[in-house]
Amino acid sequence: MIRVTTRTRPDRCPGALRPWRADDGDLVRLRLPGGRLTASSLRALHEVATTYGDGRVRLTRRANLQVRGLPPVTDEIVAAFESTGLLPSRTHELTRNLMASPQTGLAGGRADLRPVVAELDRLLCADPALAALPGRFLFVLDDGRGDLLDRTADLGLVALDPSSAQLRIGDAWAEVVALADAPARLVGLATAFLAARTSEWHVSELPGSLAPAASADPRVPAPAPPLPYGAVPGGEHVPAVDGVIAPDLSLGAGDLVVTPWRGVLVPA
């Protein structure tokens, strides 16, 4: 379904270089492709939040991180965020909105999407033109377990088996592609969106389609419920109470996965 919308302004989704002025100070958002980060980066971010902000690191429903209560953001504060390793591209910081099944590569699913996420992020950041994608433009990648099928996406895919996936374009299904080719295909569609848009933020707002629509492949799974808190296959899903990550989660030495359900998956 196409929902044509006329926008009269650019989106104002915050980033590190484009903070949001809230009642308690500046708010900065950091994108985490696939929700992944290291415990050392989280520890460093807690230190930045303590030094400059209100001392807390918060989660968003897109599996990203926020720090708030900041003074007007200066070059010094931006450099502090960069030192965490969570701001690898100043030019593309607002476009790295890549959500993936949190357990992918750890347990279950039909394919390990971690290499797909990494390659998609690399290709996005390598193309200067794609820095113009709206800050609300979202890629959603489901590894075939169905946990993200209910998520609204601009572009995305669902794995059908270990080597193939069906693409999503807005509310519609598109062609089945080799999983190895999916990042380049998604980047091509993002480029087509920029060529077609005037002031639209989302694919569903365009007056036309980016590619021919297709029927859902018979292998597309049914939507799955959100990941429960507690022990789960592949690790433990720890809730972020009131959306705040407990500082002790940064005390480990391994990788963590921020989830779209206000939690952090700590791999076993």
C-alpha atoms as a PDB file:
ATOM      1  CA  MET A   1       0.000   0.000   0.000  1.00  0.00           C
ATOM      2  CA  ILE A   2       1.361   3.424  -0.954  1.00  0.00           C
ATOM      3  CA  ARG A   3       0.676   6.271   1.450  1.00  0.00           C
ATOM      4  CA  VAL A   4       1.506   9.530  -0.294  1.00  0.00           C
ATOM      5  CA  THR A   5       2.576  12.159   2.214  1.00  0.00           C
ATOM      6  CA  THR A   6       3.650  15.745   1.626  1.00  0.00           C
ATOM      7  CA  ARG A   7       6.474  16.783   3.943  1.00  0.00           C
ATOM      8  CA  THR A   8       7.201  20.433   4.534  1.00  0.00           C
ATOM      9  CA  ARG A   9      10.498  20.013   6.428  1.00  0.00           C
ATOM     10  CA  PRO A  10      13.445  17.637   6.731  1.00  0.00           C
ATOM     11  CA  ASP A  11      13.246  14.989   9.421  1.00  0.00           C
ATOM     12  CA  ARG A  12      14.794  15.953  12.759  1.00  0.00           C
ATOM     13  CA  CYS A  13      15.839  12.518  13.992  1.00  0.00           C
ATOM     14  CA  PRO A  14      18.788  13.170  16.327  1.00  0.00           C
ATOM     15  CA  GLY A  15      22.361  12.007  16.009  1.00  0.00           C
ATOM     16  CA  ALA A  16      25.700  12.836  17.564  1.00  0.00           C
ATOM     17  CA  LEU A  17      26.282  15.775  15.243  1.00  0.00           C
ATOM     18  CA  ARG A  18      22.613  16.721  15.163  1.00  0.00           C
ATOM     19  CA  PRO A  19      21.471  16.607  18.808  1.00  0.00           C
ATOM     20  CA  TRP A  20      17.907  17.206  19.881  1.00  0.00           C
ATOM     21  CA  ARG A  21      17.365  20.037  22.333  1.00  0.00           C
ATOM     22  CA  ALA A  22      15.159  18.561  25.088  1.00  0.00           C
ATOM     23  CA  ASP A  23      13.980  20.085  28.356  1.00  0.00           C
ATOM     24  CA  ASP A  24      16.887  18.498  30.231  1.00  0.00           C
ATOM     25  CA  GLY A  25      19.572  19.400  27.687  1.00  0.00           C
ATOM     26  CA  ASP A  26      20.869  17.993  24.426  1.00  0.00           C
ATOM     27  CA  LEU A  27      19.954  14.427  23.446  1.00  0.00           C
ATOM     28  CA  VAL A  28      22.329  12.404  21.264  1.00  0.00           C
ATOM     29  CA  ARG A  29      21.491   9.154  19.486  1.00  0.00           C
ATOM     30  CA  LEU A  30      24.034   6.585  18.312  1.00  0.00           C
ATOM     31  CA  ARG A  31      23.142   4.022  15.640  1.00  0.00           C
ATOM     32  CA  LEU A  32      24.103   0.364  16.161  1.00  0.00           C
ATOM     33  CA  PRO A  33      23.783  -1.682  12.950  1.00  0.00           C
ATOM     34  CA  GLY A  34      22.203  -4.952  13.996  1.00  0.00           C
ATOM     35  CA  GLY A  35      22.185  -3.709  17.610  1.00  0.00           C
ATOM     36  CA  ARG A  36      25.717  -4.986  18.129  1.00  0.00           C
ATOM     37  CA  LEU A  37      28.355  -3.396  20.335  1.00  0.00           C
ATOM     38  CA  THR A  38      31.187  -4.490  22.591  1.00  0.00           C
ATOM     39  CA  ALA A  39      31.140  -4.303  26.363  1.00  0.00           C
ATOM     40  CA  SER A  40      34.172  -2.008  26.185  1.00  0.00           C
ATOM     41  CA  SER A  41      32.302   0.442  23.929  1.00  0.00           C
ATOM     42  CA  LEU A  42      29.323   0.417  26.287  1.00  0.00           C
ATOM     43  CA  ARG A  43      31.649   1.016  29.229  1.00  0.00           C
ATOM     44  CA  ALA A  44      33.232   3.958  27.397  1.00  0.00           C
ATOM     45  CA  LEU A  45      29.782   5.348  26.558  1.00  0.00           C
ATOM     46  CA  HIS A  46      28.732   5.186  30.214  1.00  0.00           C
ATOM     47  CA  GLU A  47      31.855   7.199  31.033  1.00  0.00           C
ATOM     48  CA  VAL A  48      30.925   9.819  28.427  1.00  0.00           C
ATOM     49  CA  ALA A  49      27.367   9.962  29.776  1.00  0.00           C
ATOM     50  CA  THR A  50      28.689  10.426  33.312  1.00  0.00           C
ATOM     51  CA  THR A  51      31.198  13.098  32.322  1.00  0.00           C
ATOM     52  CA  TYR A  52      28.928  15.182  30.105  1.00  0.00           C
ATOM     53  CA  GLY A  53      25.325  14.025  30.536  1.00  0.00           C
ATOM     54  CA  ASP A  54      22.980  12.599  33.153  1.00  0.00           C
ATOM     55  CA  GLY A  55      25.080   9.440  33.607  1.00  0.00           C
ATOM     56  CA  ARG A  56      22.644   7.043  31.933  1.00  0.00           C
ATOM     57  CA  VAL A  57      22.662   5.193  28.615  1.00  0.00           C
ATOM     58  CA  ARG A  58      19.196   4.568  27.206  1.00  0.00           C
ATOM     59  CA  LEU A  59      17.774   2.289  24.527  1.00  0.00           C
ATOM     60  CA  THR A  60      15.417   3.114  21.688  1.00  0.00           C
ATOM     61  CA  ARG A  61      12.815   0.875  20.059  1.00  0.00           C
ATOM     62  CA  ARG A  62      15.053   0.751  17.000  1.00  0.00           C
ATOM     63  CA  ALA A  63      17.841  -0.902  19.022  1.00  0.00           C
ATOM     64  CA  ASN A  64      19.965   2.235  19.163  1.00  0.00           C
ATOM     65  CA  LEU A  65      21.462   4.123  22.124  1.00  0.00           C
ATOM     66  CA  GLN A  66      20.780   7.573  23.542  1.00  0.00           C
ATOM     67  CA  VAL A  67      22.557   9.874  25.960  1.00  0.00           C
ATOM     68  CA  ARG A  68      20.723  12.912  27.267  1.00  0.00           C
ATOM     69  CA  GLY A  69      21.126  15.750  29.760  1.00  0.00           C
ATOM     70  CA  LEU A  70      24.074  17.079  27.752  1.00  0.00           C
ATOM     71  CA  PRO A  71      25.145  20.713  27.485  1.00  0.00           C
ATOM     72  CA  PRO A  72      25.176  22.157  23.955  1.00  0.00           C
ATOM     73  CA  VAL A  73      27.225  19.584  22.047  1.00  0.00           C
ATOM     74  CA  THR A  74      30.726  20.803  21.229  1.00  0.00           C
ATOM     75  CA  ASP A  75      33.595  19.313  19.207  1.00  0.00           C
ATOM     76  CA  GLU A  76      34.983  17.987  22.488  1.00  0.00           C
ATOM     77  CA  ILE A  77      31.793  16.048  23.210  1.00  0.00           C
ATOM     78  CA  VAL A  78      31.589  14.701  19.661  1.00  0.00           C
ATOM     79  CA  ALA A  79      35.206  13.530  19.982  1.00  0.00           C
ATOM     80  CA  ALA A  80      34.297  11.808  23.249  1.00  0.00           C
ATOM     81  CA  PHE A  81      31.512   9.908  21.471  1.00  0.00           C
ATOM     82  CA  GLU A  82      33.918   8.999  18.675  1.00  0.00           C
ATOM     83  CA  SER A  83      36.361   7.596  21.214  1.00  0.00           C
ATOM     84  CA  THR A  84      33.798   4.924  22.137  1.00  0.00           C
ATOM     85  CA  GLY A  85      33.997   3.430  18.650  1.00  0.00           C
ATOM     86  CA  LEU A  86      30.250   3.925  18.166  1.00  0.00           C
ATOM     87  CA  LEU A  87      30.526   6.830  15.726  1.00  0.00           C
ATOM     88  CA  PRO A  88      32.599   5.434  12.829  1.00  0.00           C
ATOM     89  CA  SER A  89      31.212   7.854  10.218  1.00  0.00           C
ATOM     90  CA  ARG A  90      30.382  11.487  10.800  1.00  0.00           C
ATOM     91  CA  THR A  91      28.930  11.874   7.317  1.00  0.00           C
ATOM     92  CA  HIS A  92      26.636   8.825   7.506  1.00  0.00           C
ATOM     93  CA  GLU A  93      25.786   8.700  11.201  1.00  0.00           C
ATOM     94  CA  LEU A  94      22.092   9.358  10.584  1.00  0.00           C
ATOM     95  CA  THR A  95      21.717   6.745   7.838  1.00  0.00           C
ATOM     96  CA  ARG A  96      23.069   3.650   9.640  1.00  0.00           C
ATOM     97  CA  ASN A  97      19.598   2.491  10.705  1.00  0.00           C
ATOM     98  CA  LEU A  98      19.994  -1.275  10.303  1.00  0.00           C
ATOM     99  CA  MET A  99      17.833  -3.503  12.496  1.00  0.00           C
ATOM    100  CA  ALA A 100      18.425  -7.269  12.469  1.00  0.00           C
ATOM    101  CA  SER A 101      17.155 -10.293  14.378  1.00  0.00           C
ATOM    102  CA  PRO A 102      19.115 -10.039  17.668  1.00  0.00           C
ATOM    103  CA  GLN A 103      19.814 -13.784  17.958  1.00  0.00           C
ATOM    104  CA  THR A 104      21.095 -14.123  14.405  1.00  0.00           C
ATOM    105  CA  GLY A 105      24.302 -16.127  14.316  1.00  0.00           C
ATOM    106  CA  LEU A 106      23.896 -17.049  17.985  1.00  0.00           C
ATOM    107  CA  ALA A 107      20.932 -19.441  17.985  1.00  0.00           C
ATOM    108  CA  GLY A 108      18.125 -20.375  15.610  1.00  0.00           C
ATOM    109  CA  GLY A 109      17.187 -18.577  12.444  1.00  0.00           C
ATOM    110  CA  ARG A 110      17.762 -19.713   8.882  1.00  0.00           C
ATOM    111  CA  ALA A 111      20.872 -17.657   8.167  1.00  0.00           C
ATOM    112  CA  ASP A 112      23.551 -15.711  10.016  1.00  0.00           C
ATOM    113  CA  LEU A 113      22.832 -12.115   9.025  1.00  0.00           C
ATOM    114  CA  ARG A 114      25.818 -10.584  10.788  1.00  0.00           C
ATOM    115  CA  PRO A 115      27.948 -10.534   7.598  1.00  0.00           C
ATOM    116  CA  VAL A 116      24.990  -9.112   5.670  1.00  0.00           C
ATOM    117  CA  VAL A 117      24.568  -6.289   8.188  1.00  0.00           C
ATOM    118  CA  ALA A 118      28.295  -5.536   8.142  1.00  0.00           C
ATOM    119  CA  GLU A 119      28.437  -5.406   4.344  1.00  0.00           C
ATOM    120  CA  LEU A 120      25.283  -3.301   4.087  1.00  0.00           C
ATOM    121  CA  ASP A 121      26.714  -0.834   6.599  1.00  0.00           C
ATOM    122  CA  ARG A 122      29.999  -0.722   4.676  1.00  0.00           C
ATOM    123  CA  LEU A 123      28.283  -0.064   1.361  1.00  0.00           C
ATOM    124  CA  LEU A 124      26.045   2.636   2.826  1.00  0.00           C
ATOM    125  CA  CYS A 125      28.981   4.490   4.344  1.00  0.00           C
ATOM    126  CA  ALA A 126      31.073   4.124   1.168  1.00  0.00           C
ATOM    127  CA  ASP A 127      28.573   6.038  -0.975  1.00  0.00           C
ATOM    128  CA  PRO A 128      28.612   9.797  -0.305  1.00  0.00           C
ATOM    129  CA  ALA A 129      25.164  10.230  -1.895  1.00  0.00           C
ATOM    130  CA  LEU A 130      23.546   7.909   0.660  1.00  0.00           C
ATOM    131  CA  ALA A 131      24.381  10.336   3.454  1.00  0.00           C
ATOM    132  CA  ALA A 132      21.230  12.123   2.253  1.00  0.00           C
ATOM    133  CA  LEU A 133      18.919   9.311   3.409  1.00  0.00           C
ATOM    134  CA  PRO A 134      16.462  10.599   6.025  1.00  0.00           C
ATOM    135  CA  GLY A 135      17.353   9.843   9.621  1.00  0.00           C
ATOM    136  CA  ARG A 136      14.119   7.865   9.991  1.00  0.00           C
ATOM    137  CA  PHE A 137      14.769   5.614   6.976  1.00  0.00           C
ATOM    138  CA  LEU A 138      15.007   2.052   8.313  1.00  0.00           C
ATOM    139  CA  PHE A 139      16.404  -1.247   7.024  1.00  0.00           C
ATOM    140  CA  VAL A 140      14.929  -4.336   8.756  1.00  0.00           C
ATOM    141  CA  LEU A 141      16.586  -7.742   8.298  1.00  0.00           C
ATOM    142  CA  ASP A 142      14.848 -10.861   9.636  1.00  0.00           C
ATOM    143  CA  ASP A 143      16.932 -14.040   9.704  1.00  0.00           C
ATOM    144  CA  GLY A 144      13.920 -16.235   8.986  1.00  0.00           C
ATOM    145  CA  ARG A 145      12.663 -16.708  12.523  1.00  0.00           C
ATOM    146  CA  GLY A 146       9.951 -14.074  12.011  1.00  0.00           C
ATOM    147  CA  ASP A 147      10.802 -11.882  14.997  1.00  0.00           C
ATOM    148  CA  LEU A 148      10.976  -8.679  12.921  1.00  0.00           C
ATOM    149  CA  LEU A 149       8.297  -9.381  10.323  1.00  0.00           C
ATOM    150  CA  ASP A 150       5.841  -7.104  12.122  1.00  0.00           C
ATOM    151  CA  ARG A 151       8.297  -4.189  12.064  1.00  0.00           C
ATOM    152  CA  THR A 152       7.603  -1.383   9.624  1.00  0.00           C
ATOM    153  CA  ALA A 153      10.505  -1.116   7.205  1.00  0.00           C
ATOM    154  CA  ASP A 154      11.571   1.111   4.354  1.00  0.00           C
ATOM    155  CA  LEU A 155      13.765  -1.635   2.936  1.00  0.00           C
ATOM    156  CA  GLY A 156      14.672  -5.050   4.250  1.00  0.00           C
ATOM    157  CA  LEU A 157      14.653  -8.784   3.793  1.00  0.00           C
ATOM    158  CA  VAL A 158      13.685 -12.080   5.366  1.00  0.00           C
ATOM    159  CA  ALA A 159      15.981 -15.094   5.030  1.00  0.00           C
ATOM    160  CA  LEU A 160      14.356 -18.071   3.326  1.00  0.00           C
ATOM    161  CA  ASP A 161      17.273 -20.459   3.804  1.00  0.00           C
ATOM    162  CA  PRO A 162      21.026 -20.112   4.502  1.00  0.00           C
ATOM    163  CA  SER A 163      21.728 -18.616   1.059  1.00  0.00           C
ATOM    164  CA  SER A 164      18.624 -16.752  -0.131  1.00  0.00           C
ATOM    165  CA  ALA A 165      16.231 -14.055   1.048  1.00  0.00           C
ATOM    166  CA  GLN A 166      13.156 -12.201  -0.127  1.00  0.00           C
ATOM    167  CA  LEU A 167      13.415  -8.430  -0.231  1.00  0.00           C
ATOM    168  CA  ARG A 168      10.952  -6.042   1.383  1.00  0.00           C
ATOM    169  CA  ILE A 169      10.184  -2.633  -0.116  1.00  0.00           C
ATOM    170  CA  GLY A 170       7.977  -0.666   2.212  1.00  0.00           C
ATOM    171  CA  ASP A 171       4.816  -2.694   2.795  1.00  0.00           C
ATOM    172  CA  ALA A 172       5.408  -4.904  -0.251  1.00  0.00           C
ATOM    173  CA  TRP A 173       7.430  -7.988  -1.041  1.00  0.00           C
ATOM    174  CA  ALA A 174       9.928  -7.931  -3.908  1.00  0.00           C
ATOM    175  CA  GLU A 175      12.197 -10.462  -5.582  1.00  0.00           C
ATOM    176  CA  VAL A 176      14.077 -13.374  -4.044  1.00  0.00           C
ATOM    177  CA  VAL A 177      17.849 -12.834  -4.179  1.00  0.00           C
ATOM    178  CA  ALA A 178      20.999 -14.609  -3.118  1.00  0.00           C
ATOM    179  CA  LEU A 179      21.826 -13.531   0.419  1.00  0.00           C
ATOM    180  CA  ALA A 180      25.339 -12.577  -0.691  1.00  0.00           C
ATOM    181  CA  ASP A 181      23.840 -10.141  -3.214  1.00  0.00           C
ATOM    182  CA  ALA A 182      21.297  -8.625  -0.833  1.00  0.00           C
ATOM    183  CA  PRO A 183      23.421  -5.743   0.552  1.00  0.00           C
ATOM    184  CA  ALA A 184      24.201  -4.388  -2.909  1.00  0.00           C
ATOM    185  CA  ARG A 185      20.586  -4.803  -3.987  1.00  0.00           C
ATOM    186  CA  LEU A 186      19.328  -2.919  -0.908  1.00  0.00           C
ATOM    187  CA  VAL A 187      21.819  -0.119  -1.499  1.00  0.00           C
ATOM    188  CA  GLY A 188      20.604   0.096  -5.098  1.00  0.00           C
ATOM    189  CA  LEU A 189      17.024   0.455  -3.879  1.00  0.00           C
ATOM    190  CA  ALA A 190      18.070   3.121  -1.364  1.00  0.00           C
ATOM    191  CA  THR A 191      19.731   5.012  -4.224  1.00  0.00           C
ATOM    192  CA  ALA A 192      16.518   4.689  -6.250  1.00  0.00           C
ATOM    193  CA  PHE A 193      14.554   6.089  -3.301  1.00  0.00           C
ATOM    194  CA  LEU A 194      16.772   9.176  -3.207  1.00  0.00           C
ATOM    195  CA  ALA A 195      16.308   9.670  -6.943  1.00  0.00           C
ATOM    196  CA  ALA A 196      12.525   9.384  -6.634  1.00  0.00           C
ATOM    197  CA  ARG A 197      11.895  11.395  -3.491  1.00  0.00           C
ATOM    198  CA  THR A 198      11.234  15.088  -3.127  1.00  0.00           C
ATOM    199  CA  SER A 199      10.602  15.555   0.594  1.00  0.00           C
ATOM    200  CA  GLU A 200       9.415  12.052   1.575  1.00  0.00           C
ATOM    201  CA  TRP A 201      10.988  10.329   4.565  1.00  0.00           C
ATOM    202  CA  HIS A 202       9.792   6.790   3.816  1.00  0.00           C
ATOM    203  CA  VAL A 203       9.391   4.453   0.856  1.00  0.00           C
ATOM    204  CA  SER A 204       5.682   4.066   1.600  1.00  0.00           C
ATOM    205  CA  GLU A 205       5.202   7.797   1.029  1.00  0.00           C
ATOM    206  CA  LEU A 206       6.443   7.757  -2.566  1.00  0.00           C
ATOM    207  CA  PRO A 207       3.791   8.143  -5.280  1.00  0.00           C
ATOM    208  CA  GLY A 208       5.246   5.172  -7.185  1.00  0.00           C
ATOM    209  CA  SER A 209       7.002   1.867  -6.543  1.00  0.00           C
ATOM    210  CA  LEU A 210      10.774   1.344  -6.511  1.00  0.00           C
ATOM    211  CA  ALA A 211      10.483  -2.145  -8.030  1.00  0.00           C
ATOM    212  CA  PRO A 212       7.820  -4.608  -9.167  1.00  0.00           C
ATOM    213  CA  ALA A 213       5.876  -6.100  -6.285  1.00  0.00           C
ATOM    214  CA  ALA A 214       5.824  -9.870  -5.731  1.00  0.00           C
ATOM    215  CA  SER A 215       3.859 -12.330  -3.663  1.00  0.00           C
ATOM    216  CA  ALA A 216       5.345 -13.541  -0.413  1.00  0.00           C
ATOM    217  CA  ASP A 217       7.453 -16.648  -0.962  1.00  0.00           C
ATOM    218  CA  PRO A 218       5.844 -19.752   0.586  1.00  0.00           C
ATOM    219  CA  ARG A 219       8.891 -20.026   2.842  1.00  0.00           C
ATOM    220  CA  VAL A 220       8.285 -16.665   4.510  1.00  0.00           C
ATOM    221  CA  PRO A 221       7.646 -17.494   8.185  1.00  0.00           C
ATOM    222  CA  ALA A 222       4.767 -16.373  10.334  1.00  0.00           C
ATOM    223  CA  PRO A 223       5.512 -13.414  12.616  1.00  0.00           C
ATOM    224  CA  ALA A 224       7.075 -14.504  15.902  1.00  0.00           C
ATOM    225  CA  PRO A 225       6.541 -12.883  19.319  1.00  0.00           C
ATOM    226  CA  PRO A 226       9.163 -10.569  20.835  1.00  0.00           C
ATOM    227  CA  LEU A 227      12.167 -12.143  22.512  1.00  0.00           C
ATOM    228  CA  PRO A 228      11.249 -12.811  26.164  1.00  0.00           C
ATOM    229  CA  TYR A 229      13.435 -11.599  28.997  1.00  0.00           C
ATOM    230  CA  GLY A 230      15.604 -14.070  30.857  1.00  0.00           C
ATOM    231  CA  ALA A 231      17.489 -17.102  29.585  1.00  0.00           C
ATOM    232  CA  VAL A 232      16.947 -17.600  25.835  1.00  0.00           C
ATOM    233  CA  PRO A 233      18.731 -19.670  23.190  1.00  0.00           C
ATOM    234  CA  GLY A 234      22.113 -18.077  22.700  1.00  0.00           C
ATOM    235  CA  GLY A 235      22.308 -16.131  25.945  1.00  0.00           C
ATOM    236  CA  GLU A 236      20.297 -14.005  28.368  1.00  0.00           C
ATOM    237  CA  HIS A 237      17.955 -11.180  27.416  1.00  0.00           C
ATOM    238  CA  VAL A 238      18.338  -8.554  30.137  1.00  0.00           C
ATOM    239  CA  PRO A 239      15.610  -5.898  30.409  1.00  0.00           C
ATOM    240  CA  ALA A 240      16.551  -2.235  30.431  1.00  0.00           C
ATOM    241  CA  VAL A 241      14.370  -0.927  33.254  1.00  0.00           C
ATOM    242  CA  ASP A 242      12.730   2.329  32.138  1.00  0.00           C
ATOM    243  CA  GLY A 243      14.813   2.021  28.989  1.00  0.00           C
ATOM    244  CA  VAL A 244      18.111   2.461  30.860  1.00  0.00           C
ATOM    245  CA  ILE A 245      21.003   0.007  30.478  1.00  0.00           C
ATOM    246  CA  ALA A 246      22.392  -1.106  33.829  1.00  0.00           C
ATOM    247  CA  PRO A 247      26.060  -0.039  34.078  1.00  0.00           C
ATOM    248  CA  ASP A 248      27.153  -3.509  35.227  1.00  0.00           C
ATOM    249  CA  LEU A 249      26.364  -4.903  31.749  1.00  0.00           C
ATOM    250  CA  SER A 250      29.473  -3.091  30.521  1.00  0.00           C
ATOM    251  CA  LEU A 251      31.739  -4.942  32.935  1.00  0.00           C
ATOM    252  CA  GLY A 252      32.137  -8.008  30.711  1.00  0.00           C
ATOM    253  CA  ALA A 253      34.642  -8.474  27.924  1.00  0.00           C
ATOM    254  CA  GLY A 254      32.480  -9.745  25.080  1.00  0.00           C
ATOM    255  CA  ASP A 255      29.908  -8.633  22.558  1.00  0.00           C
ATOM    256  CA  LEU A 256      26.403  -7.460  23.395  1.00  0.00           C
ATOM    257  CA  VAL A 257      23.284  -7.062  21.274  1.00  0.00           C
ATOM    258  CA  VAL A 258      20.783  -4.288  21.945  1.00  0.00           C
ATOM    259  CA  THR A 259      17.282  -5.505  21.070  1.00  0.00           C
ATOM    260  CA  PRO A 260      14.211  -3.641  19.777  1.00  0.00           C
ATOM    261  CA  TRP A 261      12.335  -4.726  22.919  1.00  0.00           C
ATOM    262  CA  ARG A 262      14.168  -2.486  25.390  1.00  0.00           C
ATOM    263  CA  GLY A 263      16.665  -5.135  26.370  1.00  0.00           C
ATOM    264  CA  VAL A 264      20.242  -6.293  25.905  1.00  0.00           C
ATOM    265  CA  LEU A 265      21.082  -9.818  24.762  1.00  0.00           C
ATOM    266  CA  VAL A 266      24.190 -11.057  26.555  1.00  0.00           C
ATOM    267  CA  PRO A 267      25.523 -13.975  24.503  1.00  0.00           C
ATOM    268  CA  ALA A 268      26.340 -17.173  26.373  1.00  0.00           C
END
